[in-house]
Amino acid sequence: MEDRRKAEAKLQALLHKLTLSQEFRLIEAAHFGFQLAFIRDTGEGKVAIVRQDEKYITVSESGDVDYQPDVNIRPK
């Protein structure tokens, strides 16, 4: 139960870093099984990296979704 609370707190902390446009797109993506993986700071702003299994999409600060992003993901 404690692990679940820690995971929820971590997710909430990440969500606070998103713009409203990113949050809206994340909600839409969640309907298709995607979940927020992490947020990356770039020279163009913060980019939300969203994943479903091994498929990744990105959401820019303005809410633009890239369905085939050029993102390098380190293996766990």
N, C-alpha and C. Protein backbone atom coordinates (compact mmCIF):
# COMPACT_ATOMS: atom_id res chain seq x y z
N MET A 1 0.82 -1.19 0.00
CA MET A 1 0.00 0.00 0.00
C MET A 1 0.87 1.26 0.00
N GLU A 2 1.97 1.20 0.76
CA GLU A 2 2.85 2.36 0.84
C GLU A 2 3.50 2.65 -0.52
N ASP A 3 3.87 1.58 -1.27
CA ASP A 3 4.45 1.78 -2.60
C ASP A 3 3.47 2.48 -3.53
N ARG A 4 2.21 2.13 -3.41
CA ARG A 4 1.18 2.75 -4.24
C ARG A 4 1.06 4.24 -3.93
N ARG A 5 1.13 4.59 -2.66
CA ARG A 5 1.06 6.00 -2.26
C ARG A 5 2.28 6.77 -2.75
N LYS A 6 3.44 6.14 -2.70
CA LYS A 6 4.66 6.79 -3.20
C LYS A 6 4.56 7.02 -4.70
N ALA A 7 4.06 6.04 -5.41
CA ALA A 7 3.91 6.17 -6.86
C ALA A 7 2.91 7.27 -7.19
N GLU A 8 1.82 7.35 -6.44
CA GLU A 8 0.81 8.39 -6.66
C GLU A 8 1.38 9.77 -6.38
N ALA A 9 2.17 9.89 -5.32
CA ALA A 9 2.79 11.17 -4.98
C ALA A 9 3.78 11.59 -6.06
N LYS A 10 4.53 10.64 -6.59
CA LYS A 10 5.49 10.94 -7.66
C LYS A 10 4.75 11.40 -8.92
N LEU A 11 3.66 10.73 -9.25
CA LEU A 11 2.87 11.12 -10.41
C LEU A 11 2.30 12.52 -10.24
N GLN A 12 1.78 12.82 -9.06
CA GLN A 12 1.21 14.15 -8.81
C GLN A 12 2.29 15.23 -8.94
N ALA A 13 3.49 14.95 -8.47
CA ALA A 13 4.58 15.92 -8.59
C ALA A 13 4.92 16.16 -10.05
N LEU A 14 4.90 15.11 -10.86
CA LEU A 14 5.17 15.28 -12.29
C LEU A 14 4.06 16.06 -12.97
N LEU A 15 2.82 15.76 -12.63
CA LEU A 15 1.68 16.44 -13.26
C LEU A 15 1.71 17.94 -13.00
N HIS A 16 2.19 18.36 -11.85
CA HIS A 16 2.27 19.78 -11.53
C HIS A 16 3.27 20.52 -12.41
N LYS A 17 4.16 19.79 -13.05
CA LYS A 17 5.16 20.40 -13.93
C LYS A 17 4.64 20.59 -15.35
N LEU A 18 3.48 20.03 -15.66
CA LEU A 18 2.93 20.09 -17.01
C LEU A 18 2.09 21.35 -17.22
N THR A 19 2.01 21.77 -18.47
CA THR A 19 1.09 22.86 -18.82
C THR A 19 -0.32 22.27 -18.92
N LEU A 20 -1.31 23.14 -18.97
CA LEU A 20 -2.69 22.67 -19.12
C LEU A 20 -2.87 21.92 -20.44
N SER A 21 -2.21 22.37 -21.49
CA SER A 21 -2.29 21.69 -22.78
C SER A 21 -1.72 20.28 -22.69
N GLN A 22 -0.61 20.13 -21.99
CA GLN A 22 -0.02 18.81 -21.83
C GLN A 22 -0.92 17.91 -20.99
N GLU A 23 -1.49 18.46 -19.93
CA GLU A 23 -2.39 17.67 -19.09
C GLU A 23 -3.58 17.17 -19.89
N PHE A 24 -4.15 18.04 -20.72
CA PHE A 24 -5.30 17.67 -21.54
C PHE A 24 -4.93 16.53 -22.48
N ARG A 25 -3.80 16.64 -23.15
CA ARG A 25 -3.35 15.59 -24.07
C ARG A 25 -3.04 14.29 -23.33
N LEU A 26 -2.51 14.41 -22.13
CA LEU A 26 -2.21 13.23 -21.33
C LEU A 26 -3.50 12.50 -20.96
N ILE A 27 -4.53 13.24 -20.62
CA ILE A 27 -5.83 12.62 -20.31
C ILE A 27 -6.36 11.89 -21.55
N GLU A 28 -6.24 12.53 -22.71
CA GLU A 28 -6.69 11.88 -23.95
C GLU A 28 -5.90 10.59 -24.20
N ALA A 29 -4.59 10.65 -24.04
CA ALA A 29 -3.74 9.48 -24.28
C ALA A 29 -4.04 8.36 -23.29
N ALA A 30 -4.42 8.72 -22.07
CA ALA A 30 -4.73 7.72 -21.05
C ALA A 30 -5.92 6.86 -21.46
N HIS A 31 -6.83 7.42 -22.24
CA HIS A 31 -7.97 6.65 -22.73
C HIS A 31 -7.53 5.51 -23.64
N PHE A 32 -6.32 5.62 -24.21
CA PHE A 32 -5.78 4.60 -25.10
C PHE A 32 -4.71 3.76 -24.41
N GLY A 33 -4.61 3.89 -23.09
CA GLY A 33 -3.69 3.05 -22.33
C GLY A 33 -2.30 3.64 -22.11
N PHE A 34 -2.08 4.89 -22.49
CA PHE A 34 -0.78 5.52 -22.29
C PHE A 34 -0.68 6.09 -20.88
N GLN A 35 0.55 6.14 -20.36
CA GLN A 35 0.80 6.71 -19.04
C GLN A 35 2.02 7.61 -19.12
N LEU A 36 2.03 8.64 -18.30
CA LEU A 36 3.17 9.54 -18.23
C LEU A 36 4.37 8.77 -17.70
N ALA A 37 5.46 8.79 -18.46
CA ALA A 37 6.69 8.09 -18.04
C ALA A 37 7.62 9.05 -17.31
N PHE A 38 7.89 10.20 -17.94
CA PHE A 38 8.73 11.22 -17.32
C PHE A 38 8.63 12.50 -18.11
N ILE A 39 9.26 13.54 -17.60
CA ILE A 39 9.28 14.84 -18.27
C ILE A 39 10.74 15.18 -18.55
N ARG A 40 11.00 15.60 -19.77
CA ARG A 40 12.36 15.95 -20.17
C ARG A 40 12.42 17.45 -20.45
N ASP A 41 13.41 18.13 -19.86
CA ASP A 41 13.67 19.54 -20.16
C ASP A 41 14.52 19.61 -21.41
N THR A 42 14.07 20.39 -22.38
CA THR A 42 14.82 20.58 -23.62
C THR A 42 15.02 22.08 -23.84
N GLY A 43 15.76 22.42 -24.86
CA GLY A 43 15.94 23.81 -25.21
C GLY A 43 14.65 24.48 -25.66
N GLU A 44 13.67 23.67 -26.03
CA GLU A 44 12.38 24.17 -26.50
C GLU A 44 11.30 24.09 -25.42
N GLY A 45 11.68 23.75 -24.20
CA GLY A 45 10.73 23.65 -23.11
C GLY A 45 10.63 22.23 -22.59
N LYS A 46 9.65 22.00 -21.73
CA LYS A 46 9.45 20.69 -21.15
C LYS A 46 8.62 19.82 -22.08
N VAL A 47 9.07 18.58 -22.24
CA VAL A 47 8.37 17.62 -23.09
C VAL A 47 7.94 16.45 -22.22
N ALA A 48 6.66 16.11 -22.28
CA ALA A 48 6.15 14.95 -21.55
C ALA A 48 6.38 13.71 -22.41
N ILE A 49 7.01 12.72 -21.82
CA ILE A 49 7.24 11.44 -22.50
C ILE A 49 6.18 10.49 -21.96
N VAL A 50 5.37 9.98 -22.86
CA VAL A 50 4.21 9.16 -22.50
C VAL A 50 4.39 7.79 -23.14
N ARG A 51 4.08 6.73 -22.37
CA ARG A 51 4.34 5.40 -22.92
C ARG A 51 3.18 4.45 -22.75
N GLN A 52 3.16 3.51 -23.65
CA GLN A 52 2.25 2.37 -23.59
C GLN A 52 3.08 1.16 -23.99
N ASP A 53 3.37 0.30 -23.06
CA ASP A 53 4.28 -0.82 -23.28
C ASP A 53 5.61 -0.29 -23.81
N GLU A 54 5.97 -0.63 -25.04
CA GLU A 54 7.24 -0.16 -25.61
C GLU A 54 7.04 0.98 -26.62
N LYS A 55 5.83 1.50 -26.73
CA LYS A 55 5.53 2.60 -27.64
C LYS A 55 5.55 3.91 -26.86
N TYR A 56 6.23 4.90 -27.42
CA TYR A 56 6.34 6.21 -26.78
C TYR A 56 5.77 7.29 -27.68
N ILE A 57 5.14 8.29 -27.07
CA ILE A 57 4.76 9.52 -27.76
C ILE A 57 5.25 10.67 -26.89
N THR A 58 5.38 11.84 -27.50
CA THR A 58 5.78 13.02 -26.73
C THR A 58 4.72 14.09 -26.86
N VAL A 59 4.64 14.94 -25.83
CA VAL A 59 3.69 16.05 -25.84
C VAL A 59 4.47 17.31 -25.47
N SER A 60 4.48 18.28 -26.40
CA SER A 60 5.19 19.53 -26.16
C SER A 60 4.40 20.42 -25.20
N GLU A 61 5.04 21.50 -24.74
CA GLU A 61 4.35 22.42 -23.83
C GLU A 61 3.09 23.00 -24.43
N SER A 62 3.06 23.15 -25.76
CA SER A 62 1.87 23.71 -26.41
C SER A 62 0.79 22.65 -26.67
N GLY A 63 1.08 21.38 -26.31
CA GLY A 63 0.10 20.32 -26.47
C GLY A 63 0.22 19.55 -27.77
N ASP A 64 1.25 19.84 -28.57
CA ASP A 64 1.46 19.11 -29.81
C ASP A 64 1.95 17.70 -29.49
N VAL A 65 1.35 16.71 -30.15
CA VAL A 65 1.69 15.31 -29.91
C VAL A 65 2.53 14.80 -31.08
N ASP A 66 3.64 14.15 -30.76
CA ASP A 66 4.47 13.50 -31.76
C ASP A 66 4.32 12.00 -31.56
N TYR A 67 3.72 11.33 -32.54
CA TYR A 67 3.45 9.90 -32.42
C TYR A 67 4.63 9.04 -32.81
N GLN A 68 5.66 9.65 -33.41
CA GLN A 68 6.87 8.92 -33.77
C GLN A 68 8.08 9.77 -33.38
N PRO A 69 8.24 10.00 -32.08
CA PRO A 69 9.31 10.88 -31.64
C PRO A 69 10.70 10.24 -31.79
N ASP A 70 11.68 11.09 -31.93
CA ASP A 70 13.08 10.65 -31.96
C ASP A 70 13.62 10.84 -30.56
N VAL A 71 13.29 9.88 -29.69
CA VAL A 71 13.65 9.95 -28.28
C VAL A 71 14.48 8.73 -27.92
N ASN A 72 15.61 8.96 -27.28
CA ASN A 72 16.44 7.84 -26.80
C ASN A 72 16.04 7.52 -25.37
N ILE A 73 15.57 6.31 -25.16
CA ILE A 73 15.14 5.85 -23.84
C ILE A 73 16.17 4.86 -23.31
N ARG A 74 16.71 5.15 -22.13
CA ARG A 74 17.66 4.22 -21.53
C ARG A 74 16.92 3.00 -21.00
N PRO A 75 17.48 1.83 -21.21
CA PRO A 75 16.83 0.62 -20.66
C PRO A 75 16.89 0.62 -19.14
N LYS A 76 15.91 0.01 -18.52
CA LYS A 76 15.85 -0.05 -17.06
C LYS A 76 16.81 -1.07 -16.52
